[in-house]
Protein backbone atom coordinates (compact mmCIF):
# COMPACT_ATOMS: atom_id res chain seq x y z
CA MET A 1 -22.49 7.60 28.80
CA THR A 2 -24.09 10.84 29.80
CA GLU A 3 -26.95 12.06 27.72
CA SER A 4 -25.15 15.20 26.61
CA SER A 5 -22.12 13.33 25.35
CA ALA A 6 -24.28 10.73 23.65
CA ASN A 7 -26.27 13.40 21.85
CA LYS A 8 -23.10 15.09 20.67
CA LEU A 9 -21.72 11.80 19.45
CA LEU A 10 -24.78 10.47 17.72
CA ASN A 11 -25.79 13.72 16.13
CA GLY A 12 -22.62 13.71 14.08
CA ASP A 13 -20.56 16.01 16.31
CA ALA A 14 -17.92 13.38 17.02
CA CYS A 15 -14.82 15.53 16.88
CA HIS A 16 -15.51 18.16 19.58
CA ARG A 17 -12.87 18.53 22.26
CA SER A 18 -13.78 18.15 25.90
CA SER A 19 -13.31 21.13 28.19
CA GLY A 20 -10.04 19.75 29.48
CA ALA A 21 -8.52 19.18 26.09
CA LYS A 22 -5.93 21.54 24.68
CA LYS A 23 -6.44 23.17 21.34
CA SER A 24 -4.19 22.16 18.48
CA THR A 25 -1.58 24.58 17.22
CA LYS A 26 -1.73 25.95 13.71
CA ASN A 27 0.47 23.19 12.37
CA GLY A 28 -1.85 20.54 13.79
CA ILE A 29 0.38 19.16 16.56
CA VAL A 30 -1.90 18.16 19.44
CA LYS A 31 -0.28 19.27 22.69
CA ASN A 32 -2.34 17.11 25.01
CA HIS A 33 -1.03 13.87 23.49
CA CYS A 34 1.64 12.02 25.43
CA LEU A 35 3.90 11.97 22.39
CA PHE A 36 3.88 15.74 21.84
CA GLN A 37 6.89 17.02 19.96
CA GLN A 38 7.92 20.29 18.38
CA PRO A 39 7.49 20.34 14.61
CA HIS A 40 10.62 19.64 12.61
CA LYS A 41 12.16 22.68 10.96
CA TYR A 42 11.44 21.12 7.55
CA ARG A 43 7.94 20.08 8.52
CA ARG A 44 5.28 21.41 6.22
CA PRO A 45 2.52 23.20 8.19
CA ARG A 46 -0.32 21.42 6.45
CA GLU A 47 -0.92 18.44 8.70
CA LYS A 48 -4.46 17.47 9.60
CA ARG A 49 -4.97 15.68 12.92
CA ARG A 50 -8.29 14.55 14.26
CA ASN A 51 -8.73 14.42 18.01
CA VAL A 52 -11.64 12.67 19.68
CA PRO A 53 -13.01 14.00 23.00
CA HIS A 54 -11.56 12.62 26.20
CA ASN A 55 -14.97 11.44 27.41
CA ALA A 56 -14.38 8.70 29.93
CA SER A 57 -17.48 6.84 28.82
CA LEU A 58 -16.17 6.63 25.24
CA TYR A 59 -12.39 6.99 25.11
CA LYS A 60 -10.05 6.17 27.95
CA LYS A 61 -7.04 7.68 26.17
CA PRO A 62 -6.40 10.41 23.58
CA TYR A 63 -7.23 9.30 20.06
CA VAL A 64 -4.91 10.93 17.53
CA GLU A 65 -4.42 10.01 13.90
CA SER A 66 -2.59 11.84 11.17
CA PHE A 67 -3.39 12.27 7.49
CA GLU A 68 -1.10 15.05 6.38
CA GLU A 69 -2.03 16.94 3.26
CA THR A 70 0.40 16.62 0.40
CA PRO A 71 2.37 19.85 -0.11
CA LEU A 72 1.34 21.62 -3.29
CA MET A 73 4.78 21.46 -4.88
CA VAL A 74 5.08 17.73 -4.18
CA ALA A 75 1.63 17.12 -5.67
CA VAL A 76 2.46 19.12 -8.81
CA LEU A 77 5.79 17.36 -9.32
CA THR A 78 4.19 13.95 -8.74
CA TYR A 79 1.51 14.59 -11.36
CA MET A 80 4.20 15.85 -13.72
CA GLY A 81 6.23 12.70 -13.15
CA TYR A 82 3.30 10.44 -13.95
CA GLY A 83 2.39 12.61 -16.92
CA ILE A 84 5.87 12.39 -18.42
CA LEU A 85 5.98 8.62 -17.86
CA THR A 86 2.57 8.27 -19.52
CA ILE A 87 3.67 10.25 -22.57
CA PHE A 88 6.81 8.16 -22.97
CA GLY A 89 4.70 5.05 -22.39
CA TYR A 90 2.51 5.85 -25.38
CA LEU A 91 5.63 6.57 -27.42
CA ARG A 92 7.17 3.22 -26.53
CA ASP A 93 3.89 1.42 -27.28
CA PHE A 94 3.98 3.04 -30.73
CA LEU A 95 7.56 1.86 -31.26
CA ARG A 96 6.67 -1.66 -30.14
CA GLN A 97 3.67 -1.79 -32.45
CA TRP A 98 5.90 -1.09 -35.46
CA ASN A 99 8.66 -3.42 -34.20
CA ILE A 100 11.08 -0.54 -33.78
CA GLU A 101 11.50 -1.53 -30.14
CA LYS A 102 11.49 -5.12 -28.94
CA CYS A 103 8.16 -6.07 -27.38
CA ASN A 104 8.46 -8.21 -24.24
CA VAL A 105 4.72 -8.24 -23.60
CA ALA A 106 2.83 -11.50 -24.13
CA ARG A 107 0.77 -11.26 -27.32
CA GLU A 108 -2.06 -13.23 -28.87
CA ARG A 109 -1.09 -15.97 -31.29
CA GLU A 110 -1.65 -15.28 -34.97
CA GLU A 111 -4.60 -17.68 -35.20
CA GLN A 112 -6.27 -15.98 -32.21
CA LYS A 113 -6.01 -12.36 -33.30
CA ASP A 114 -9.63 -12.35 -34.42
CA PHE A 115 -10.81 -13.52 -31.00
CA VAL A 116 -12.44 -11.16 -28.53
CA PRO A 117 -9.56 -9.91 -26.33
CA LEU A 118 -9.45 -11.12 -22.74
CA TYR A 119 -8.64 -7.62 -21.52
CA GLN A 120 -8.34 -4.13 -22.89
CA ASP A 121 -4.86 -3.11 -23.94
CA PHE A 122 -4.94 -0.02 -21.72
CA GLU A 123 -5.47 -2.21 -18.64
CA ASN A 124 -1.87 -3.37 -19.02
CA PHE A 125 -0.47 0.08 -19.80
CA TYR A 126 0.66 0.79 -16.24
CA THR A 127 2.37 -2.61 -15.95
CA ARG A 128 4.19 -2.23 -19.27
CA ASN A 129 5.41 1.31 -18.95
CA LEU A 130 5.50 2.35 -15.30
CA TYR A 131 5.68 -0.69 -13.05
CA MET A 132 8.37 -2.42 -15.14
CA ARG A 133 10.76 0.47 -14.51
CA ILE A 134 10.78 -0.20 -10.76
CA ARG A 135 9.71 -3.85 -10.69
CA ASP A 136 13.01 -4.90 -9.10
CA ASN A 137 11.87 -3.20 -5.88
CA TRP A 138 9.22 -5.87 -5.24
CA ASN A 139 8.71 -9.62 -5.33
CA ARG A 140 12.22 -10.21 -4.06
CA PRO A 141 12.66 -13.90 -3.15
CA ILE A 142 13.93 -14.37 0.40
CA CYS A 143 15.91 -17.33 1.73
CA SER A 144 15.64 -16.95 5.50
CA VAL A 145 13.18 -16.38 8.30
CA PRO A 146 11.35 -13.04 7.81
CA GLY A 147 12.64 -11.55 11.03
CA ALA A 148 13.90 -8.04 11.73
CA LYS A 149 16.71 -8.87 9.32
CA MET A 150 16.54 -11.40 6.51
CA ASP A 151 18.48 -12.73 3.52
CA LEU A 152 17.58 -12.10 -0.12
CA VAL A 153 18.34 -14.11 -3.22
CA GLU A 154 20.43 -11.85 -5.44
CA ARG A 155 19.06 -11.40 -8.94
CA VAL A 156 19.87 -9.32 -12.00
CA SER A 157 17.96 -8.25 -15.09
CA HIS A 158 19.37 -7.67 -18.56
CA ASP A 159 16.13 -6.51 -20.19
CA TYR A 160 14.96 -3.69 -17.91
CA ASN A 161 13.15 -5.85 -15.34
CA TRP A 162 11.08 -7.94 -17.78
CA THR A 163 12.93 -11.08 -16.68
CA PHE A 164 15.35 -11.88 -13.88
CA GLU A 165 18.06 -14.43 -13.35
CA HIS A 166 19.57 -15.50 -10.05
CA THR A 167 23.29 -15.05 -9.58
CA GLY A 168 23.60 -17.77 -6.95
CA LYS A 169 24.62 -15.23 -4.32
CA VAL A 170 22.78 -14.17 -1.18
CA VAL A 171 22.32 -10.63 0.09
CA ARG A 172 22.48 -11.02 3.86
CA ASP A 173 21.08 -9.06 6.80
CA VAL A 174 18.65 -6.86 4.89
CA ILE A 175 16.35 -4.81 7.13
CA ASN A 176 12.80 -6.16 6.84
CA MET A 177 10.27 -3.34 6.42
CA GLY A 178 7.49 -5.23 4.65
CA SER A 179 6.47 -8.13 6.90
CA TYR A 180 3.53 -8.32 9.30
CA ASN A 181 5.56 -10.50 11.66
CA TYR A 182 4.67 -8.07 14.46
CA LEU A 183 5.82 -10.13 17.43
CA GLY A 184 8.55 -12.19 15.76
CA PHE A 185 6.79 -15.55 16.08
CA ALA A 186 7.56 -16.43 12.45
CA GLU A 187 10.82 -18.08 13.45
CA ASN A 188 12.56 -21.43 13.02
CA THR A 189 13.76 -21.81 16.60
CA GLY A 190 12.10 -21.62 19.98
CA ALA A 191 8.93 -22.97 21.54
CA CYS A 192 6.67 -22.38 18.53
CA ALA A 193 8.97 -24.12 16.06
CA ASP A 194 9.50 -27.06 18.42
CA ALA A 195 5.76 -27.47 19.00
CA ALA A 196 5.03 -27.29 15.26
CA LEU A 197 7.63 -29.98 14.62
CA GLU A 198 6.06 -32.28 17.21
CA ALA A 199 2.61 -31.74 15.68
CA THR A 200 3.97 -32.61 12.23
CA GLN A 201 5.47 -35.82 13.54
CA LYS A 202 2.20 -36.74 15.26
CA TYR A 203 -0.43 -35.68 12.70
CA GLY A 204 1.48 -35.20 9.47
CA VAL A 205 1.40 -32.08 7.36
CA GLY A 206 -2.18 -32.22 6.11
CA VAL A 207 -5.41 -34.15 6.62
CA ALA A 208 -6.66 -33.93 3.02
CA SER A 209 -10.29 -33.63 4.07
CA THR A 210 -12.79 -31.06 5.25
CA ARG A 211 -13.67 -30.76 8.91
CA CYS A 212 -17.20 -31.90 8.11
CA GLU A 213 -15.81 -35.26 7.03
CA MET A 214 -12.54 -36.65 8.41
CA GLY A 215 -10.42 -33.53 8.74
CA ASN A 216 -11.39 -32.52 12.28
CA LEU A 217 -8.44 -33.03 14.63
CA ASP A 218 -8.43 -32.61 18.38
CA ILE A 219 -6.00 -29.69 18.09
CA HIS A 220 -8.51 -27.90 15.83
CA GLU A 221 -11.02 -27.94 18.66
CA GLU A 222 -8.31 -26.98 21.14
CA LEU A 223 -7.44 -23.96 18.99
CA GLU A 224 -11.06 -22.83 18.75
CA GLN A 225 -11.55 -23.07 22.50
CA LEU A 226 -8.34 -21.13 23.06
CA VAL A 227 -9.34 -18.39 20.59
CA ALA A 228 -12.74 -18.01 22.27
CA ARG A 229 -11.06 -17.67 25.66
CA PHE A 230 -8.50 -15.23 24.26
CA LEU A 231 -11.21 -13.02 22.73
CA GLY A 232 -13.60 -13.30 25.66
CA VAL A 233 -16.48 -14.67 23.57
CA GLU A 234 -18.65 -17.79 23.82
CA SER A 235 -17.30 -19.69 20.83
CA SER A 236 -15.10 -19.44 17.76
CA MET A 237 -14.32 -21.23 14.52
CA ALA A 238 -10.97 -21.47 12.71
CA PHE A 239 -10.42 -21.42 8.95
CA GLY A 240 -7.43 -22.28 6.82
CA MET A 241 -7.23 -18.99 4.90
CA GLY A 242 -7.56 -15.46 6.19
CA PHE A 243 -8.90 -13.98 2.94
CA ALA A 244 -11.56 -16.68 2.69
CA THR A 245 -12.58 -16.10 6.30
CA ASN A 246 -14.08 -12.82 5.13
CA SER A 247 -15.04 -13.56 1.54
CA MET A 248 -16.75 -16.89 2.29
CA ASN A 249 -18.43 -16.10 5.62
CA ILE A 250 -20.06 -12.75 4.88
CA PRO A 251 -22.27 -14.38 2.20
CA ALA A 252 -23.43 -16.83 4.86
CA LEU A 253 -24.46 -13.99 7.17
CA THR A 254 -26.22 -11.63 4.77
CA GLY A 255 -28.13 -11.90 1.52
CA LYS A 256 -30.83 -10.31 -0.57
CA GLY A 257 -32.84 -7.78 1.42
CA CYS A 258 -29.92 -7.05 3.75
CA LEU A 259 -27.84 -3.88 3.89
CA ILE A 260 -24.07 -3.77 4.37
CA LEU A 261 -22.51 -0.48 5.46
CA SER A 262 -18.83 -0.74 4.56
CA ASP A 263 -15.93 1.59 5.24
CA GLU A 264 -14.58 2.94 1.95
CA LEU A 265 -11.09 1.62 2.74
CA ASN A 266 -12.06 -1.89 3.81
CA HIS A 267 -9.87 -4.78 2.67
CA ALA A 268 -10.51 -6.50 -0.65
CA SER A 269 -11.65 -9.68 1.15
CA LEU A 270 -14.44 -7.74 2.88
CA VAL A 271 -15.43 -6.06 -0.38
CA LEU A 272 -15.53 -9.39 -2.21
CA GLY A 273 -17.53 -11.05 0.56
CA ALA A 274 -20.07 -8.23 0.53
CA ARG A 275 -20.45 -8.46 -3.24
CA LEU A 276 -20.83 -12.24 -3.20
CA SER A 277 -23.55 -12.01 -0.56
CA GLY A 278 -25.99 -10.28 -2.91
CA SER A 279 -26.74 -7.66 -0.26
CA THR A 280 -27.15 -3.99 -0.96
CA ILE A 281 -23.85 -2.24 -0.25
CA ARG A 282 -23.44 1.35 0.81
CA VAL A 283 -20.07 2.88 1.56
CA PHE A 284 -19.32 5.48 4.23
CA LYS A 285 -16.29 7.74 4.41
CA HIS A 286 -13.25 6.29 6.09
CA ASN A 287 -13.59 6.31 9.88
CA ASN A 288 -16.20 9.06 9.58
CA MET A 289 -18.98 8.59 12.10
CA GLN A 290 -21.11 11.39 10.66
CA SER A 291 -21.14 9.62 7.30
CA LEU A 292 -21.97 6.28 8.93
CA GLU A 293 -24.80 7.72 11.00
CA LYS A 294 -26.31 9.42 7.96
CA LEU A 295 -26.40 6.08 6.11
CA LEU A 296 -27.96 4.39 9.13
CA ARG A 297 -30.67 7.02 9.39
CA ASP A 298 -31.41 6.92 5.67
CA ALA A 299 -31.57 3.13 5.76
CA ILE A 300 -34.13 3.15 8.56
CA VAL A 301 -36.20 6.00 7.13
CA HIS A 302 -36.32 4.87 3.50
CA GLY A 303 -35.94 1.10 3.79
CA GLN A 304 -35.24 -1.04 0.74
CA PRO A 305 -35.23 0.49 -2.76
CA ARG A 306 -38.59 0.64 -4.57
CA THR A 307 -40.57 -1.37 -1.97
CA HIS A 308 -39.42 0.69 1.05
CA ARG A 309 -39.78 -2.38 3.21
CA PRO A 310 -37.54 -2.52 6.30
CA TRP A 311 -34.15 -4.13 5.77
CA LYS A 312 -33.92 -7.70 7.00
CA LYS A 313 -30.69 -6.77 8.76
CA ILE A 314 -28.11 -3.99 8.67
CA LEU A 315 -24.47 -5.02 9.02
CA ILE A 316 -21.70 -2.51 9.71
CA VAL A 317 -18.33 -3.77 8.45
CA VAL A 318 -15.10 -2.18 9.73
CA GLU A 319 -11.48 -3.11 10.37
CA GLY A 320 -9.52 -2.79 13.59
CA ILE A 321 -6.39 -1.43 11.91
CA TYR A 322 -6.53 -0.48 8.25
CA SER A 323 -3.48 -2.06 6.66
CA MET A 324 -2.90 0.57 3.97
CA GLU A 325 -3.65 3.66 6.08
CA GLY A 326 -2.45 2.70 9.56
CA SER A 327 -5.59 4.13 11.15
CA ILE A 328 -7.45 2.55 14.06
CA VAL A 329 -11.23 2.26 13.89
CA ARG A 330 -13.23 4.55 16.18
CA LEU A 331 -14.76 1.54 17.82
CA PRO A 332 -16.45 3.23 20.82
CA GLU A 333 -18.39 5.49 18.46
CA VAL A 334 -19.21 2.66 16.07
CA ILE A 335 -20.60 0.60 18.95
CA ALA A 336 -22.66 3.57 20.16
CA LEU A 337 -24.18 3.99 16.70
CA LYS A 338 -24.72 0.26 16.34
CA LYS A 339 -26.64 0.10 19.61
CA ARG A 340 -28.75 3.15 18.88
CA TYR A 341 -29.83 2.04 15.40
CA LYS A 342 -30.06 -1.70 16.18
CA ALA A 343 -27.50 -2.77 13.58
CA TYR A 344 -25.03 -5.65 13.63
CA LEU A 345 -21.26 -5.10 13.76
CA TYR A 346 -18.63 -7.12 11.87
CA LEU A 347 -15.11 -6.30 13.09
CA ASP A 348 -12.07 -7.45 11.09
CA GLU A 349 -9.08 -7.59 13.44
CA ALA A 350 -6.61 -9.11 10.99
CA HIS A 351 -3.95 -6.51 11.80
CA SER A 352 -4.92 -5.54 15.33
CA ILE A 353 -5.27 -8.93 17.04
CA GLY A 354 -2.05 -9.77 18.85
CA ALA A 355 -0.57 -6.37 18.00
CA LEU A 356 -2.72 -3.82 19.82
CA GLY A 357 -3.89 -3.38 23.37
CA PRO A 358 -2.14 -3.97 26.71
CA ASN A 359 -2.88 -7.70 26.49
CA GLY A 360 -2.53 -8.05 22.73
CA LYS A 361 -6.23 -8.76 22.30
CA GLY A 362 -6.76 -6.22 19.57
CA VAL A 363 -8.69 -3.01 19.20
CA VAL A 364 -11.34 -4.11 21.71
CA ASP A 365 -8.61 -4.49 24.32
CA TYR A 366 -7.00 -1.22 23.19
CA PHE A 367 -10.17 0.77 23.95
CA GLY A 368 -11.08 -1.30 27.01
CA LEU A 369 -14.45 -2.36 25.60
CA ASP A 370 -16.67 -5.38 26.15
CA PRO A 371 -16.22 -8.03 23.42
CA LYS A 372 -19.90 -8.90 23.74
CA ASP A 373 -20.73 -5.55 22.11
CA ILE A 374 -19.28 -6.83 18.82
CA ASP A 375 -21.56 -9.32 17.07
CA ILE A 376 -18.97 -10.89 14.75
CA MET A 377 -15.27 -10.78 15.59
CA MET A 378 -12.94 -11.79 12.78
CA GLY A 379 -9.17 -12.04 12.75
CA THR A 380 -6.27 -13.86 11.16
CA PHE A 381 -3.34 -15.92 12.40
CA THR A 382 -1.05 -14.74 9.61
CA LYS A 383 0.36 -11.63 11.29
CA SER A 384 1.06 -11.57 15.00
CA PHE A 385 0.95 -15.35 15.41
CA GLY A 386 3.32 -16.16 12.54
CA ALA A 387 1.00 -18.83 11.15
CA ALA A 388 -1.83 -18.93 8.59
CA GLY A 389 -5.62 -18.92 8.53
CA GLY A 390 -8.31 -16.95 10.30
CA TYR A 391 -11.16 -17.15 12.80
CA ILE A 392 -14.67 -15.95 13.52
CA GLY A 393 -15.68 -15.39 17.13
CA GLY A 394 -18.99 -14.57 18.75
CA LYS A 395 -22.03 -16.18 20.31
CA LYS A 396 -22.36 -19.94 20.21
CA GLU A 397 -25.46 -19.87 18.02
CA LEU A 398 -23.58 -17.74 15.47
CA ILE A 399 -20.68 -20.18 15.28
CA ASP A 400 -23.01 -23.18 15.08
CA TYR A 401 -24.81 -21.48 12.19
CA LEU A 402 -21.53 -20.89 10.34
CA ARG A 403 -20.50 -24.50 10.77
CA ARG A 404 -23.60 -25.48 8.80
CA HIS A 405 -23.68 -22.71 6.20
CA SER A 406 -20.17 -21.32 5.63
CA HIS A 407 -18.50 -22.31 2.35
CA SER A 408 -15.14 -22.25 4.13
CA ALA A 409 -16.42 -24.77 6.64
CA LEU A 410 -18.13 -27.08 4.17
CA TYR A 411 -15.76 -27.14 1.20
CA ALA A 412 -12.26 -26.11 2.35
CA THR A 413 -9.75 -28.59 3.72
CA SER A 414 -8.90 -28.19 7.37
CA MET A 415 -5.90 -26.28 8.68
CA SER A 416 -2.54 -28.00 8.59
CA SER A 417 -1.58 -29.43 11.98
CA PRO A 418 1.80 -27.63 12.34
CA VAL A 419 0.07 -24.34 11.50
CA VAL A 420 -2.57 -25.04 14.15
CA GLN A 421 0.09 -25.86 16.74
CA GLN A 422 2.09 -22.75 15.83
CA THR A 423 -1.01 -20.65 16.47
CA ILE A 424 -1.81 -22.38 19.76
CA THR A 425 1.71 -22.02 21.11
CA SER A 426 2.15 -18.37 20.11
CA MET A 427 -1.28 -17.45 21.48
CA LYS A 428 -0.50 -19.09 24.81
CA ILE A 429 2.77 -17.17 24.96
CA ILE A 430 0.90 -13.90 24.37
CA MET A 431 -1.58 -14.85 27.10
CA GLY A 432 1.27 -15.73 29.48
CA GLU A 433 0.13 -19.32 29.84
CA ASP A 434 3.61 -20.63 29.03
CA GLY A 435 4.82 -19.50 32.45
CA THR A 436 7.03 -16.72 31.07
CA THR A 437 6.77 -13.01 30.37
CA LEU A 438 7.94 -13.44 26.77
CA GLY A 439 4.56 -12.47 25.33
CA ALA A 440 4.21 -9.35 27.46
CA ASP A 441 7.79 -8.37 26.66
CA ARG A 442 7.20 -8.66 22.92
CA LEU A 443 4.00 -6.64 23.12
CA GLN A 444 5.80 -3.93 25.06
CA GLN A 445 8.68 -3.94 22.58
CA LEU A 446 6.28 -3.62 19.64
CA SER A 447 4.57 -0.65 21.28
CA GLU A 448 7.90 1.06 21.96
CA ASN A 449 9.15 0.38 18.44
CA THR A 450 5.96 1.81 16.96
CA THR A 451 6.24 5.00 19.01
CA TYR A 452 9.94 5.41 18.30
CA PHE A 453 9.66 4.72 14.56
CA ARG A 454 6.78 7.12 14.01
CA ARG A 455 8.40 9.86 16.08
CA LYS A 456 11.74 9.63 14.29
CA LEU A 457 10.14 9.63 10.84
CA ARG A 458 8.22 12.78 11.73
CA ASP A 459 11.41 14.38 13.08
CA MET A 460 13.07 13.69 9.74
CA GLY A 461 10.23 15.41 7.89
CA PHE A 462 8.58 12.38 6.30
CA ILE A 463 4.85 12.29 5.64
CA ILE A 464 3.31 9.31 7.44
CA TYR A 465 -0.29 8.29 7.93
CA GLY A 466 -2.33 6.63 10.62
CA ASN A 467 -2.84 6.49 14.36
CA ASP A 468 0.10 7.11 16.68
CA ASP A 469 -0.34 3.68 18.31
CA SER A 470 -0.74 1.73 15.06
CA PRO A 471 2.13 -0.65 14.17
CA VAL A 472 1.21 -0.15 10.50
CA VAL A 473 3.22 2.90 9.42
CA PRO A 474 2.52 4.06 5.83
CA MET A 475 5.20 6.44 4.57
CA MET A 476 4.37 8.43 1.45
CA LEU A 477 6.96 8.41 -1.36
CA TYR A 478 5.02 10.09 -4.20
CA MET A 479 7.68 10.37 -6.90
CA PRO A 480 7.59 7.22 -9.09
CA ALA A 481 10.87 7.98 -10.86
CA LYS A 482 12.74 8.32 -7.56
CA ILE A 483 11.72 4.94 -6.17
CA GLY A 484 14.11 2.93 -8.32
CA HIS A 485 16.90 5.47 -7.83
CA TRP A 486 16.39 5.39 -4.07
CA ARG A 487 16.65 1.59 -3.94
CA LEU A 488 19.86 1.61 -5.99
CA SER A 489 21.30 4.34 -3.77
CA VAL A 490 20.59 2.26 -0.67
CA LYS A 491 22.02 -0.83 -2.37
CA TRP A 492 25.31 0.81 -3.33
CA ALA A 493 25.60 2.65 -0.03
CA THR A 494 25.23 -0.68 1.76
CA CYS A 495 27.71 -2.43 -0.50
CA CYS A 496 30.30 0.33 -0.10
CA SER A 497 29.97 0.66 3.65
C-alpha cells in the first residue's frame, strides 16, 4: 500500500475513484464495471451506487454495491398502505374486545386476568392484524429436497390464516427462492448422501455426549483439520449449531473492559453474543469505513467510560455477506483499519464461505487476501455445504483457548456423525479432492446464476439491494396488501397454465 492511498483510506476518504476509473452517470450506473448495462426505460433515476477505488494494493476488482432509493410515490403509497391496515387493525381489535368479531388470539384464563401480563398487547398488534392477512405466504411445509425445485404440502385455511389444514395433496415443482442451498449439496442422492449414510451405519445418528466427555469422534477431528486446511489457518473447531457458534463464543473472547465495534446490520447471533459478553458495544454504520474509523479513534483517545483507562481489547465484528442486504464487507479497508489501530477482527462468513471467491473460500478468497490477517474466522455449514453447525478458525492458541472456555464446547452435544460426514464430503468436492471438477463447476454456475439473476431483475425494473457478486439478492416489495394478491396470482397462473 502506498502512503498516499493509505492516507486517503484511513482518513475516511474511502470512496474516491482512482484516476483510471470512469465517473458514474446521473442515474448511478457505473460504466467501468464489467456488468455495465443501459438503464431500463422504467428504471427510476434515483439509484445510489458506491464504487471503491481500483487501488491494486486494496482491491483487485471493481467493488460495486447498490442500495437504490425508494421512489417517492412508492414510499408514500407504502406508508398509506400500512396506515390503512393499522386503522382497520384498531377497529377489528375493538370489535373483538366487545365480541362482535370472533377473537382467534390466545387469551389469559379467567383466573389469571389479574396477573401481570407476559407481554404488552400492542406487541402482538402486527401479528394479529397485518401478518395474519398474508401468513399463508410463509412457513409452507415442504416434502422434498430443497433443490432448485421442490414440492409443497398443500394446505387451506377457513379462518383467514389463523389455522391451516392439509388437503393431502402435493404441489409439485415449485421454484425455490428462499433456500441457502447455494451449491445444491442438500440432496438425497450422490456422493454426499452416500457418505452420510455410511457414517450413520458406522457411528449412529448421535453420540449423546459432549466432546469434552465421550462425544469426540475421529471424524470430528478430521473435519476440523479439513476446515483449517480449507481456510488456510493453523487450527479450527466445529460446533453443532451455527447460531450458537457466534452467541456462545463471543462471550468467551471478550468481557468487561472490552469494546466491541459492531456493524449496525450484523446478524442476531452476533448481537446476542456481544450482549452476553458484558462488553461495551458501539455500532458503526453499515459497511461505512469512515464511521468505523471514527469509533476506533474515539475509543483510543477517550478509553473506557468514567475511568478513561485503555480498553483491554477492541474487537471489530463484521459479516462476509450480509444476509438481509446482500452486501459484501469491505474487507481490505477493514483490515487496514484493524492493523493501524491494533484492533482484533471477527469475521462471520456464514453466507460467504463456499459461495464466494474463485475457490469458494469466502470473502477472503474473493478479495485475494491473507487469511492470517483475520484474527477470528467464523462460518457455518448450513448453507453451501448442505449440513448443519458452524466453525471457528484461527491460530492454534485461539482454538485451544476456546476448547477450554467456550460454552458451546463444554456444554453442547457433539455434531451428529452423518452431518459431519456430509460437511467433509461436500468440502472435499469444493476443494477438488474428490478427483472431479464438480465443485468448480458448481461454483462457476452459482456465479453465473447470480450475475444473470441480478441483471434480469434490474432490466425488469425491480429494486434490488447488495453487491453485484453477492448470491444473496434482496428484492424490495414494499406494498403489504399486494403480497398476498401476488402469491394468489402466481398460484392461479401456475394452475391454469
